[in-house]
Amino acid sequence: MYKGIYIAASGAVLKEAELALTARNIANASTPGYKKERTSFSSYLLPAVRSVSGPERIMVDRAETITDFSPGRFIETGNPLDIAIEGDGFFALEGGRYTRRGEFRLDGDGYLVNTEGLKVVGADGAAIQLPPGKVDIGPGGEISVNGVPAGRLKLVDFARPYRLSKAGDATYTAPADARPAAASARVLPGVIEDSNVNVIKEMVGMIRTTREFETYQKMIQAFDSASSKALNEIGRI
């Protein structure tokens, strides 16, 4: 009986984690460059973790959070500092961070920075600093100001499957053994990549997961009620 409670509780915990991820996806549905997440789970036999007799039963546990790196739709803004990547790859930022959110601007010192204030790294490995003037960015990431070459964006990619960890809503870090390689993607100026979250699908998934969570709750209550009843009847004997 108690094993049944453990199994139902493990399912409820997993569904609660799914609800949290779904809520985060929905909250970032309008965040440029955001990539939706989902959770995976692993299962194991109950006797492997508790000394109990009887038939083996399976519990589930959260294994990892998986990021879906499929592209979002492109939105034209007309802002020359809004840049999207067509294909696989990421913009390089200072501090070993990477992003597909090309919503850039110039700070007070002329450095090209992202929405968090992190400097954008150029192909030479240094932060990109631009002089005053009209900025144009070509399909290969080349930057010119008033028609004069002023640098090139550093576009990188990693081996699949990606092993990147989120460091913000649309910013990632790579493990030490993941070597970035030059990306062959194309740059689209005046465009941003929207999130890849489908709000309708996420809402449907939230409703389904909520019902599954409620089912596990009812199972726990049923096991608890049966356990209390058994103890009371044994007490009368």
Protein backbone atom coordinates (compact mmCIF):
# COMPACT_ATOMS: atom_id res chain seq x y z
CA MET A 1 0.00 0.00 0.00
CA TYR A 2 2.75 2.40 0.95
CA LYS A 3 4.59 1.55 -2.25
CA GLY A 4 1.51 2.75 -4.12
CA ILE A 5 1.73 6.10 -2.35
CA TYR A 6 5.42 6.42 -3.29
CA ILE A 7 4.67 5.67 -6.94
CA ALA A 8 1.76 8.13 -7.09
CA ALA A 9 3.83 10.79 -5.30
CA SER A 10 6.70 10.40 -7.77
CA GLY A 11 4.25 10.90 -10.63
CA ALA A 12 2.78 14.01 -9.00
CA VAL A 13 6.24 15.54 -8.49
CA LEU A 14 7.08 14.96 -12.16
CA LYS A 15 3.84 16.56 -13.32
CA GLU A 16 4.48 19.55 -11.06
CA ALA A 17 7.88 20.00 -12.76
CA GLU A 18 6.20 19.80 -16.18
CA LEU A 19 3.72 22.48 -15.15
CA ALA A 20 6.54 24.78 -14.04
CA LEU A 21 8.34 24.39 -17.39
CA THR A 22 5.13 24.93 -19.35
CA ALA A 23 4.41 28.09 -17.37
CA ARG A 24 7.93 29.37 -18.12
CA ASN A 25 7.49 28.62 -21.82
CA ILE A 26 4.21 30.53 -21.94
CA ALA A 27 5.69 33.46 -20.01
CA ASN A 28 8.50 33.72 -22.60
CA ALA A 29 6.35 33.19 -25.69
CA SER A 30 7.08 36.75 -26.80
CA THR A 31 10.76 36.78 -25.81
CA PRO A 32 12.91 36.97 -28.98
CA GLY A 33 15.27 34.02 -29.35
CA TYR A 34 13.72 32.05 -26.48
CA LYS A 35 13.78 28.27 -26.91
CA LYS A 36 11.07 26.18 -25.26
CA GLU A 37 11.95 23.54 -22.70
CA ARG A 38 10.57 20.18 -21.72
CA THR A 39 11.41 17.68 -19.03
CA SER A 40 12.46 14.06 -19.44
CA PHE A 41 12.10 11.37 -16.81
CA SER A 42 13.77 8.15 -15.77
CA SER A 43 12.25 5.15 -14.03
CA TYR A 44 13.64 2.74 -11.49
CA LEU A 45 12.44 -0.22 -9.45
CA LEU A 46 11.23 0.59 -5.96
CA PRO A 47 13.13 -2.28 -4.22
CA ALA A 48 16.36 -0.78 -5.54
CA VAL A 49 15.94 2.20 -3.23
CA ARG A 50 13.92 0.79 -0.35
CA SER A 51 14.07 -2.53 1.47
CA VAL A 52 10.55 -3.75 0.82
CA SER A 53 9.16 -7.14 -0.06
CA GLY A 54 6.58 -8.02 -2.68
CA PRO A 55 6.38 -7.44 -6.41
CA GLU A 56 8.67 -4.82 -7.93
CA ARG A 57 7.03 -1.55 -8.86
CA ILE A 58 8.30 1.32 -10.91
CA MET A 59 8.79 4.88 -9.70
CA VAL A 60 9.60 7.81 -11.94
CA ASP A 61 11.98 10.69 -11.38
CA ARG A 62 12.93 13.81 -13.29
CA ALA A 63 16.06 13.15 -15.37
CA GLU A 64 16.87 16.42 -17.12
CA THR A 65 15.49 19.53 -18.76
CA ILE A 66 15.76 19.47 -22.55
CA THR A 67 15.87 22.64 -24.65
CA ASP A 68 14.23 22.57 -28.08
CA PHE A 69 16.55 24.53 -30.39
CA SER A 70 14.23 24.51 -33.41
CA PRO A 71 14.03 27.98 -35.02
CA GLY A 72 11.32 30.51 -34.36
CA ARG A 73 9.66 32.67 -36.99
CA PHE A 74 11.43 35.76 -38.30
CA ILE A 75 9.97 39.21 -37.62
CA GLU A 76 11.09 42.26 -39.58
CA THR A 77 11.76 45.33 -37.44
CA GLY A 78 13.72 47.59 -39.77
CA ASN A 79 16.22 48.29 -36.99
CA PRO A 80 19.73 47.72 -38.47
CA LEU A 81 20.98 46.46 -35.08
CA ASP A 82 18.31 43.74 -34.90
CA ILE A 83 19.91 40.63 -36.37
CA ALA A 84 18.63 37.08 -36.87
CA ILE A 85 20.53 33.91 -37.74
CA GLU A 86 19.18 31.88 -40.63
CA GLY A 87 20.45 28.36 -40.00
CA ASP A 88 22.29 26.75 -37.10
CA GLY A 89 24.51 28.85 -34.90
CA PHE A 90 24.79 31.45 -32.16
CA PHE A 91 26.14 34.94 -31.63
CA ALA A 92 29.17 35.01 -29.33
CA LEU A 93 29.00 37.24 -26.25
CA GLU A 94 31.58 38.17 -23.64
CA GLY A 95 32.07 35.79 -20.74
CA GLY A 96 31.72 32.67 -22.86
CA ARG A 97 28.01 33.13 -23.47
CA TYR A 98 26.03 32.51 -26.63
CA THR A 99 22.64 33.60 -27.90
CA ARG A 100 20.33 33.63 -30.89
CA ARG A 101 18.61 36.75 -29.61
CA GLY A 102 20.11 39.34 -31.94
CA GLU A 103 18.31 42.27 -30.37
CA PHE A 104 21.41 44.46 -30.09
CA ARG A 105 22.12 48.13 -29.37
CA LEU A 106 25.09 50.44 -28.87
CA ASP A 107 26.02 51.46 -25.33
CA GLY A 108 27.46 54.82 -24.33
CA ASP A 109 30.97 53.78 -25.34
CA GLY A 110 29.94 52.49 -28.76
CA TYR A 111 30.10 48.81 -27.84
CA LEU A 112 27.55 46.49 -29.44
CA VAL A 113 25.66 44.89 -26.55
CA ASN A 114 22.64 42.62 -26.04
CA THR A 115 19.56 43.35 -23.94
CA GLU A 116 21.42 42.27 -20.77
CA GLY A 117 24.31 44.65 -21.47
CA LEU A 118 26.74 41.88 -22.46
CA LYS A 119 29.17 42.90 -25.20
CA VAL A 120 28.97 41.15 -28.56
CA VAL A 121 32.22 39.47 -29.59
CA GLY A 122 33.67 39.91 -33.07
CA ALA A 123 35.46 37.41 -35.31
CA ASP A 124 38.79 38.61 -33.89
CA GLY A 125 37.71 37.60 -30.37
CA ALA A 126 37.41 41.18 -29.09
CA ALA A 127 34.28 43.07 -28.15
CA ILE A 128 32.82 44.99 -31.08
CA GLN A 129 33.13 48.77 -30.69
CA LEU A 130 31.76 50.99 -33.44
CA PRO A 131 32.29 54.66 -34.26
CA PRO A 132 29.30 56.99 -34.70
CA GLY A 133 27.49 56.69 -38.01
CA LYS A 134 25.14 54.59 -40.09
CA VAL A 135 25.60 50.91 -39.29
CA ASP A 136 25.11 48.23 -41.95
CA ILE A 137 25.46 44.49 -41.38
CA GLY A 138 25.92 42.08 -44.27
CA PRO A 139 24.77 38.45 -44.66
CA GLY A 140 28.18 37.16 -43.59
CA GLY A 141 28.15 39.20 -40.39
CA GLU A 142 30.43 41.93 -41.79
CA ILE A 143 29.83 45.33 -40.19
CA SER A 144 30.39 48.71 -41.81
CA VAL A 145 29.83 52.22 -40.50
CA ASN A 146 29.19 54.93 -43.11
CA GLY A 147 30.42 52.46 -45.69
CA VAL A 148 33.74 51.80 -43.92
CA PRO A 149 34.46 48.23 -42.66
CA ALA A 150 34.29 48.17 -38.87
CA GLY A 151 34.36 44.49 -37.90
CA ARG A 152 32.59 41.18 -38.27
CA LEU A 153 30.23 39.26 -36.02
CA LYS A 154 31.48 35.99 -34.58
CA LEU A 155 28.99 33.21 -35.39
CA VAL A 156 29.64 29.83 -33.79
CA ASP A 157 27.98 26.45 -33.63
CA PHE A 158 28.41 23.29 -31.58
CA ALA A 159 28.20 19.57 -32.18
CA ARG A 160 24.75 18.05 -31.94
CA PRO A 161 23.06 17.30 -29.68
CA TYR A 162 23.71 20.63 -28.03
CA ARG A 163 24.95 20.43 -24.45
CA LEU A 164 24.38 24.09 -23.70
CA SER A 165 23.06 25.30 -20.37
CA LYS A 166 20.73 28.25 -19.98
CA ALA A 167 22.28 31.33 -18.39
CA GLY A 168 19.25 33.55 -19.01
CA ASP A 169 16.01 33.54 -20.97
CA ALA A 170 17.87 33.36 -24.31
CA THR A 171 21.53 33.11 -23.28
CA TYR A 172 23.59 29.93 -22.95
CA THR A 173 26.93 28.67 -21.73
CA ALA A 174 28.84 25.66 -23.05
CA PRO A 175 30.72 22.99 -21.06
CA ALA A 176 34.50 23.22 -21.06
CA ASP A 177 34.90 20.30 -23.46
CA ALA A 178 32.43 21.70 -26.03
CA ARG A 179 34.52 23.42 -28.69
CA PRO A 180 32.71 26.13 -30.69
CA ALA A 181 33.22 25.97 -34.45
CA ALA A 182 32.57 28.62 -37.07
CA ALA A 183 28.93 28.57 -38.16
CA SER A 184 27.94 28.60 -41.82
CA ALA A 185 24.66 30.36 -41.12
CA ARG A 186 23.50 33.56 -42.79
CA VAL A 187 22.79 36.83 -40.99
CA LEU A 188 19.52 38.68 -41.58
CA PRO A 189 19.76 42.39 -40.62
CA GLY A 190 16.64 44.28 -39.56
CA VAL A 191 15.07 41.02 -38.39
CA ILE A 192 14.68 39.25 -35.04
CA GLU A 193 13.93 35.60 -34.40
CA ASP A 194 10.83 35.10 -32.30
CA SER A 195 10.55 32.39 -29.65
CA ASN A 196 9.65 28.89 -30.87
CA VAL A 197 6.85 28.55 -28.31
CA ASN A 198 3.43 27.60 -29.66
CA VAL A 199 1.15 29.09 -27.00
CA ILE A 200 -1.90 27.01 -28.01
CA LYS A 201 0.05 23.74 -27.76
CA GLU A 202 1.53 24.80 -24.43
CA MET A 203 -1.92 25.65 -23.05
CA VAL A 204 -3.31 22.30 -24.17
CA GLY A 205 -0.33 20.59 -22.57
CA MET A 206 -0.86 22.54 -19.35
CA ILE A 207 -4.49 21.44 -19.14
CA ARG A 208 -3.52 17.80 -19.76
CA THR A 209 -0.72 17.89 -17.21
CA THR A 210 -2.94 19.57 -14.62
CA ARG A 211 -5.51 16.78 -14.97
CA GLU A 212 -2.79 14.15 -14.66
CA PHE A 213 -1.46 15.89 -11.55
CA GLU A 214 -4.96 15.91 -10.04
CA THR A 215 -5.29 12.18 -10.80
CA TYR A 216 -2.09 11.46 -8.89
CA GLN A 217 -3.39 13.56 -6.00
CA LYS A 218 -6.57 11.49 -5.87
CA MET A 219 -4.51 8.30 -5.93
CA ILE A 220 -2.45 9.51 -2.97
CA GLN A 221 -5.62 10.41 -1.06
CA ALA A 222 -7.13 7.01 -1.85
CA PHE A 223 -4.04 5.14 -0.62
CA ASP A 224 -3.95 7.32 2.50
CA SER A 225 -7.64 6.67 3.19
CA ALA A 226 -7.21 2.92 2.70
CA SER A 227 -4.18 2.92 5.00
CA SER A 228 -6.06 4.79 7.74
CA LYS A 229 -9.01 2.43 7.45
CA ALA A 230 -6.76 -0.63 7.70
CA LEU A 231 -5.02 0.73 10.81
CA ASN A 232 -8.33 1.53 12.49
CA GLU A 233 -9.71 -1.94 11.81
CA ILE A 234 -6.54 -3.60 13.09
CA GLY A 235 -6.82 -1.48 16.22
CA ARG A 236 -10.31 -2.79 16.92
CA ILE A 237 -9.09 -6.37 16.65
